[in-house]
Amino acid sequence: MKNKLCQIHVMDKHLLDWFNQLQTGEQIGNVHSVFDKVINFISNDGSMLFSLAKDRIIQAPKMMKTTDEISFNAMCSSIKPSNPVVKVGGKAIQIKGWQWSYMSSEHWEREISSLSQVKPALSESHLAYIDAFIQANGRNGGLLSAWKHVIGRSETVSGSSIVNIYFQPFVKGFKTITEEIENQQLEKFMFCFAGLGVGLTPSGDDFLTGLLATWHYFGFSLYQDFMSNGNVNLSILKRRTTDISYFMLENCCFGYVNDALLDLLEHIHHHPTKPLQQVLSIGSTSGTDMLIGVSFAYRQLLKQRILLED
């Protein structure tokens, strides 16, 4: 079969820089997992997860995207996990008989630190808007019922719709974060949530992504101390959750998150309906759980500000 040449439309600049360091003809990794809209690859040493996705997917760290859905679909049906990924000449990668060129791709280069350095003032009205959006549009199955319980917005519903096997662990995790912030010492909160839930990215990890991104954006001093003191043991996180979720958390710890979450943080001082809807659209409950992370982080920031003003 003659190699089919396909085009990558947009590519994370950090991934491009990594590709540029590699040698032509070098195997750079293997297919990790294949889905109908995203193909994930893992580097040879297991230190990086990168992906090729359809253009409609929200841009994320280490992601390439293509508008050529016909070729993407055809390749999905012909490859499987463990197939090698090779860098070939002309700025392209090859998976079996498929070559994907990034020669003329647009470069995506965004991170939390690249957002405006003039942070908006924290506001109860901003939090109320986000909470109202989650209350009205959030999807059940992840943290939604536990979050409503914790913030006092539980509704009178049947037990089966509010309680699942993760309800109490989620509530306990919320309590742990609150207590650690009150004691001015973050220690165990990440391990209360990492890997908790089901799916490719468990709800606890989606929550942490929204939480950590918000704290990073606003420069929450407790979180900055937590990170600078080496309290995040990534090797432990890796053992607690899925590969895809682990790399999402790893990227987040370094300030790299998906485009929708970046847009929400950048416009959080307005009524950011469109960014909220974009985050909500991620996965089945992943977007809802990320928004709950944003809400919870913002709520703690407000409490901390009030304490400092007293």
Protein backbone atom coordinates (compact mmCIF):
# COMPACT_ATOMS: atom_id res chain seq x y z
CA MET A 1 0.00 0.00 0.00
CA LYS A 2 1.35 3.41 -0.96
CA ASN A 3 1.60 5.81 1.95
CA LYS A 4 -1.31 8.26 2.07
CA LEU A 5 -0.28 11.87 2.81
CA CYS A 6 -2.68 13.79 5.06
CA GLN A 7 -2.54 17.27 6.58
CA ILE A 8 -2.42 18.41 10.17
CA HIS A 9 -4.31 21.69 10.47
CA VAL A 10 -3.15 22.93 13.89
CA MET A 11 -0.49 21.72 16.30
CA ASP A 12 0.60 22.52 19.85
CA LYS A 13 3.87 24.46 19.61
CA HIS A 14 5.41 22.48 22.49
CA LEU A 15 4.73 19.25 20.62
CA LEU A 16 6.22 20.73 17.45
CA ASP A 17 9.38 21.71 19.34
CA TRP A 18 9.69 18.14 20.61
CA PHE A 19 9.21 16.69 17.12
CA ASN A 20 11.91 19.02 15.77
CA GLN A 21 14.44 17.51 18.17
CA LEU A 22 13.86 14.01 16.83
CA GLN A 23 15.65 12.29 13.98
CA THR A 24 14.03 11.39 10.66
CA GLY A 25 13.27 7.68 10.61
CA GLU A 26 13.18 7.49 14.40
CA GLN A 27 10.33 5.68 16.11
CA ILE A 28 8.97 8.25 18.51
CA GLY A 29 6.27 6.20 20.17
CA ASN A 30 3.28 3.93 19.74
CA VAL A 31 -0.45 4.18 19.38
CA HIS A 32 -1.89 4.25 22.89
CA SER A 33 -5.65 4.31 22.27
CA VAL A 34 -8.03 4.87 19.36
CA PHE A 35 -11.40 6.63 19.61
CA ASP A 36 -13.76 8.00 17.00
CA LYS A 37 -12.57 11.60 17.42
CA VAL A 38 -9.14 11.28 19.05
CA ILE A 39 -6.12 9.00 18.64
CA ASN A 40 -3.64 9.02 21.53
CA PHE A 41 0.04 8.15 21.27
CA ILE A 42 2.60 7.45 23.98
CA SER A 43 6.29 8.27 23.63
CA ASN A 44 8.85 5.45 23.73
CA ASP A 45 9.93 6.29 27.27
CA GLY A 46 6.36 6.77 28.49
CA SER A 47 7.00 10.39 29.48
CA MET A 48 4.58 12.03 27.05
CA LEU A 49 1.08 11.43 25.76
CA PHE A 50 0.22 13.27 22.55
CA SER A 51 -2.77 13.08 20.26
CA LEU A 52 -4.27 13.57 16.81
CA ALA A 53 -7.88 14.74 16.81
CA LYS A 54 -10.65 15.92 14.56
CA ASP A 55 -10.78 19.69 14.20
CA ARG A 56 -14.08 19.93 16.11
CA ILE A 57 -12.35 18.74 19.31
CA ILE A 58 -11.34 21.46 21.78
CA GLN A 59 -7.62 22.08 21.51
CA ALA A 60 -5.62 20.61 24.37
CA PRO A 61 -1.92 20.41 25.28
CA LYS A 62 0.23 18.13 23.08
CA MET A 63 -2.55 17.87 20.49
CA MET A 64 -2.56 17.95 16.67
CA LYS A 65 -5.82 18.47 14.80
CA THR A 66 -7.00 17.80 11.26
CA THR A 67 -9.93 18.85 9.10
CA ASP A 68 -9.49 15.68 6.98
CA GLU A 69 -12.11 13.56 8.72
CA ILE A 70 -12.31 11.03 5.90
CA SER A 71 -8.64 10.10 6.25
CA PHE A 72 -8.88 10.23 10.04
CA ASN A 73 -11.82 7.81 10.07
CA ALA A 74 -10.14 5.47 7.62
CA MET A 75 -6.95 5.38 9.68
CA CYS A 76 -8.93 4.72 12.88
CA SER A 77 -10.34 1.56 11.34
CA SER A 78 -6.91 0.28 10.27
CA ILE A 79 -4.67 0.92 13.28
CA LYS A 80 -4.58 -0.45 16.79
CA PRO A 81 -2.75 0.14 20.06
CA SER A 82 0.99 -0.64 19.96
CA ASN A 83 1.36 0.32 16.26
CA PRO A 84 4.60 2.36 15.95
CA VAL A 85 4.69 6.09 15.23
CA VAL A 86 7.71 7.17 13.17
CA LYS A 87 9.02 10.62 12.26
CA VAL A 88 9.54 10.83 8.49
CA GLY A 89 11.00 13.46 6.18
CA GLY A 90 9.16 16.63 5.22
CA LYS A 91 7.94 17.28 8.76
CA ALA A 92 5.53 14.39 9.06
CA ILE A 93 4.76 11.38 11.21
CA GLN A 94 3.75 7.96 9.94
CA ILE A 95 1.42 5.38 11.44
CA LYS A 96 1.27 2.25 9.28
CA GLY A 97 0.45 3.48 5.77
CA TRP A 98 -0.64 6.94 6.86
CA GLN A 99 1.60 10.00 6.83
CA TRP A 100 0.46 13.17 8.59
CA SER A 101 2.32 16.33 7.57
CA TYR A 102 2.68 19.25 9.96
CA MET A 103 4.75 21.29 7.47
CA SER A 104 2.11 24.01 7.08
CA SER A 105 0.14 23.60 10.29
CA GLU A 106 -0.91 26.53 12.44
CA HIS A 107 0.76 26.65 15.84
CA TRP A 108 -1.24 26.70 19.06
CA GLU A 109 0.70 28.26 21.92
CA ARG A 110 -1.36 29.10 24.99
CA GLU A 111 -0.92 28.49 28.69
CA ILE A 112 -2.25 29.93 31.92
CA SER A 113 0.75 32.23 32.35
CA SER A 114 0.15 33.69 28.86
CA LEU A 115 -3.22 35.11 29.91
CA SER A 116 -3.52 38.73 31.00
CA GLN A 117 -1.20 39.58 33.86
CA VAL A 118 -3.81 42.03 35.20
CA LYS A 119 -6.09 39.73 37.11
CA PRO A 120 -9.74 40.76 37.63
CA ALA A 121 -10.95 41.44 41.15
CA LEU A 122 -12.69 38.53 42.81
CA SER A 123 -16.44 39.01 42.90
CA GLU A 124 -19.37 37.24 44.55
CA SER A 125 -21.43 38.01 41.43
CA HIS A 126 -18.96 36.17 39.19
CA LEU A 127 -19.15 33.10 41.40
CA ALA A 128 -22.94 33.31 41.53
CA TYR A 129 -23.09 33.36 37.74
CA ILE A 130 -20.86 30.29 37.42
CA ASP A 131 -22.79 28.43 40.12
CA ALA A 132 -26.12 29.24 38.48
CA PHE A 133 -24.82 27.95 35.14
CA ILE A 134 -23.67 24.67 36.71
CA GLN A 135 -26.93 24.33 38.64
CA ALA A 136 -28.98 24.78 35.46
CA ASN A 137 -26.83 22.87 32.97
CA GLY A 138 -24.53 20.51 34.86
CA ARG A 139 -24.67 16.84 33.97
CA ASN A 140 -25.28 14.16 36.56
CA GLY A 141 -22.98 11.20 36.98
CA GLY A 142 -19.88 12.87 38.37
CA LEU A 143 -19.50 15.37 41.22
CA LEU A 144 -22.66 17.38 40.63
CA SER A 145 -24.79 15.93 43.42
CA ALA A 146 -21.91 16.02 45.93
CA TRP A 147 -21.11 19.63 44.97
CA LYS A 148 -24.75 20.69 45.41
CA HIS A 149 -24.77 18.97 48.80
CA VAL A 150 -21.59 20.73 49.94
CA ILE A 151 -22.66 24.25 48.89
CA GLY A 152 -26.19 23.78 50.19
CA ARG A 153 -28.01 23.58 46.89
CA SER A 154 -29.24 20.00 47.05
CA GLU A 155 -32.69 19.49 45.62
CA THR A 156 -35.38 17.12 46.79
CA VAL A 157 -34.79 14.22 44.45
CA SER A 158 -34.89 10.45 44.63
CA GLY A 159 -32.03 8.79 46.42
CA SER A 160 -30.90 6.93 43.33
CA SER A 161 -30.27 10.16 41.42
CA ILE A 162 -28.24 11.85 44.13
CA VAL A 163 -26.24 9.02 45.69
CA ASN A 164 -23.68 6.88 43.92
CA ILE A 165 -20.69 5.00 45.26
CA TYR A 166 -18.53 8.12 44.85
CA PHE A 167 -20.89 10.56 46.60
CA GLN A 168 -19.42 10.22 50.09
CA PRO A 169 -15.76 10.14 48.92
CA PHE A 170 -16.40 13.34 46.93
CA VAL A 171 -18.03 15.03 49.92
CA LYS A 172 -15.11 13.94 52.11
CA GLY A 173 -12.67 15.33 49.54
CA PHE A 174 -14.43 18.71 49.54
CA LYS A 175 -14.25 18.73 53.34
CA THR A 176 -10.53 17.91 53.28
CA ILE A 177 -9.71 20.83 50.92
CA THR A 178 -11.76 23.24 53.02
CA GLU A 179 -10.08 22.16 56.25
CA GLU A 180 -6.59 22.32 54.74
CA ILE A 181 -7.20 25.88 53.49
CA GLU A 182 -8.58 26.91 56.88
CA ASN A 183 -5.39 25.50 58.45
CA GLN A 184 -3.27 27.30 55.82
CA GLN A 185 -1.59 24.06 54.75
CA LEU A 186 -2.38 22.14 51.59
CA GLU A 187 -1.22 18.54 51.90
CA LYS A 188 -3.54 15.68 50.99
CA PHE A 189 -6.31 17.23 48.88
CA MET A 190 -4.99 16.02 45.52
CA PHE A 191 -4.88 12.42 46.67
CA CYS A 192 -8.49 12.67 47.87
CA PHE A 193 -9.59 13.18 44.28
CA ALA A 194 -6.95 11.71 41.94
CA GLY A 195 -8.38 8.71 40.12
CA LEU A 196 -11.75 8.96 41.88
CA GLY A 197 -14.59 8.13 39.51
CA VAL A 198 -14.94 6.30 36.22
CA GLY A 199 -14.03 6.90 32.59
CA LEU A 200 -10.95 7.97 30.65
CA THR A 201 -10.60 10.99 32.91
CA PRO A 202 -12.25 10.21 36.27
CA SER A 203 -14.39 12.97 37.77
CA GLY A 204 -11.91 13.65 40.55
CA ASP A 205 -9.17 14.43 38.02
CA ASP A 206 -11.44 16.68 35.95
CA PHE A 207 -12.32 18.54 39.16
CA LEU A 208 -8.64 18.94 40.06
CA THR A 209 -7.91 20.30 36.58
CA GLY A 210 -10.49 23.08 36.98
CA LEU A 211 -9.44 23.72 40.58
CA LEU A 212 -5.67 23.90 39.98
CA ALA A 213 -6.04 25.96 36.80
CA THR A 214 -8.10 28.56 38.67
CA TRP A 215 -5.72 28.73 41.61
CA HIS A 216 -2.79 29.01 39.20
CA TYR A 217 -4.47 31.82 37.26
CA PHE A 218 -5.23 33.89 40.35
CA GLY A 219 -1.89 33.15 42.01
CA PHE A 220 -3.37 31.53 45.13
CA SER A 221 -0.51 31.73 47.64
CA LEU A 222 -1.27 28.42 49.38
CA TYR A 223 -1.22 26.60 46.05
CA GLN A 224 1.99 28.32 45.00
CA ASP A 225 3.63 27.21 48.26
CA PHE A 226 2.24 23.70 47.80
CA MET A 227 3.80 23.43 44.34
CA SER A 228 7.12 25.06 45.21
CA ASN A 229 7.59 22.77 48.22
CA GLY A 230 7.44 19.67 46.03
CA ASN A 231 4.24 18.30 47.54
CA VAL A 232 2.97 16.93 44.22
CA ASN A 233 4.38 13.44 43.78
CA LEU A 234 3.57 12.78 40.13
CA SER A 235 4.70 9.16 40.35
CA ILE A 236 2.03 8.51 42.97
CA LEU A 237 -0.60 10.25 40.84
CA LYS A 238 0.41 8.09 37.89
CA ARG A 239 -0.34 4.94 39.88
CA ARG A 240 -3.75 6.20 40.97
CA THR A 241 -5.42 7.07 37.68
CA THR A 242 -5.57 6.40 33.94
CA ASP A 243 -2.75 7.34 31.56
CA ILE A 244 -4.85 9.96 29.79
CA SER A 245 -5.98 11.50 33.07
CA TYR A 246 -2.48 11.46 34.55
CA PHE A 247 -1.02 13.41 31.64
CA MET A 248 -3.91 15.89 31.83
CA LEU A 249 -3.03 16.51 35.49
CA GLU A 250 0.69 16.67 34.77
CA ASN A 251 0.14 19.28 32.07
CA CYS A 252 -2.16 21.22 34.39
CA CYS A 253 0.47 21.32 37.14
CA PHE A 254 2.76 23.09 34.68
CA GLY A 255 0.05 25.52 33.57
CA TYR A 256 -1.11 23.80 30.37
CA VAL A 257 -4.84 23.16 30.02
CA ASN A 258 -7.40 22.96 27.23
CA ASP A 259 -8.49 25.97 25.19
CA ALA A 260 -12.01 26.12 26.64
CA LEU A 261 -10.73 26.32 30.22
CA LEU A 262 -8.23 29.01 29.21
CA ASP A 263 -11.03 31.03 27.59
CA LEU A 264 -13.14 30.71 30.73
CA LEU A 265 -10.34 31.93 32.99
CA GLU A 266 -9.54 34.80 30.65
CA HIS A 267 -13.16 36.00 30.64
CA ILE A 268 -14.21 34.97 34.13
CA HIS A 269 -14.81 38.60 35.16
CA HIS A 270 -17.59 38.91 32.56
CA HIS A 271 -20.63 36.69 32.17
CA PRO A 272 -18.73 34.07 30.18
CA THR A 273 -21.64 32.06 28.80
CA LYS A 274 -19.85 30.81 25.67
CA PRO A 275 -16.69 29.64 27.51
CA LEU A 276 -18.86 27.95 30.13
CA GLN A 277 -20.76 26.13 27.40
CA GLN A 278 -17.50 25.09 25.73
CA VAL A 279 -16.12 23.59 28.93
CA LEU A 280 -19.45 21.91 29.65
CA SER A 281 -19.30 20.18 26.23
CA ILE A 282 -16.13 18.25 27.15
CA GLY A 283 -16.85 14.54 27.55
CA SER A 284 -20.01 13.30 29.21
CA THR A 285 -19.45 14.74 32.71
CA SER A 286 -15.82 15.92 32.40
CA GLY A 287 -16.83 19.49 31.55
CA THR A 288 -19.27 19.68 34.45
CA ASP A 289 -16.62 18.38 36.85
CA MET A 290 -14.04 20.89 35.56
CA LEU A 291 -16.54 23.73 36.09
CA ILE A 292 -17.19 22.49 39.62
CA GLY A 293 -13.41 22.68 40.15
CA VAL A 294 -13.42 26.29 38.91
CA SER A 295 -16.37 27.14 41.16
CA PHE A 296 -14.86 25.51 44.23
CA ALA A 297 -11.48 27.17 43.68
CA TYR A 298 -13.10 30.58 43.17
CA ARG A 299 -15.19 30.10 46.32
CA GLN A 300 -12.06 29.37 48.37
CA LEU A 301 -10.29 32.39 46.87
CA LEU A 302 -13.17 34.61 47.97
CA LYS A 303 -13.10 33.16 51.48
CA GLN A 304 -9.34 33.71 51.67
CA ARG A 305 -9.71 37.31 50.53
CA ILE A 306 -12.35 37.99 53.21
CA LEU A 307 -10.09 36.49 55.88
CA LEU A 308 -7.19 38.70 54.81
CA GLU A 309 -9.38 41.80 54.86
CA ASP A 310 -10.67 41.15 58.39
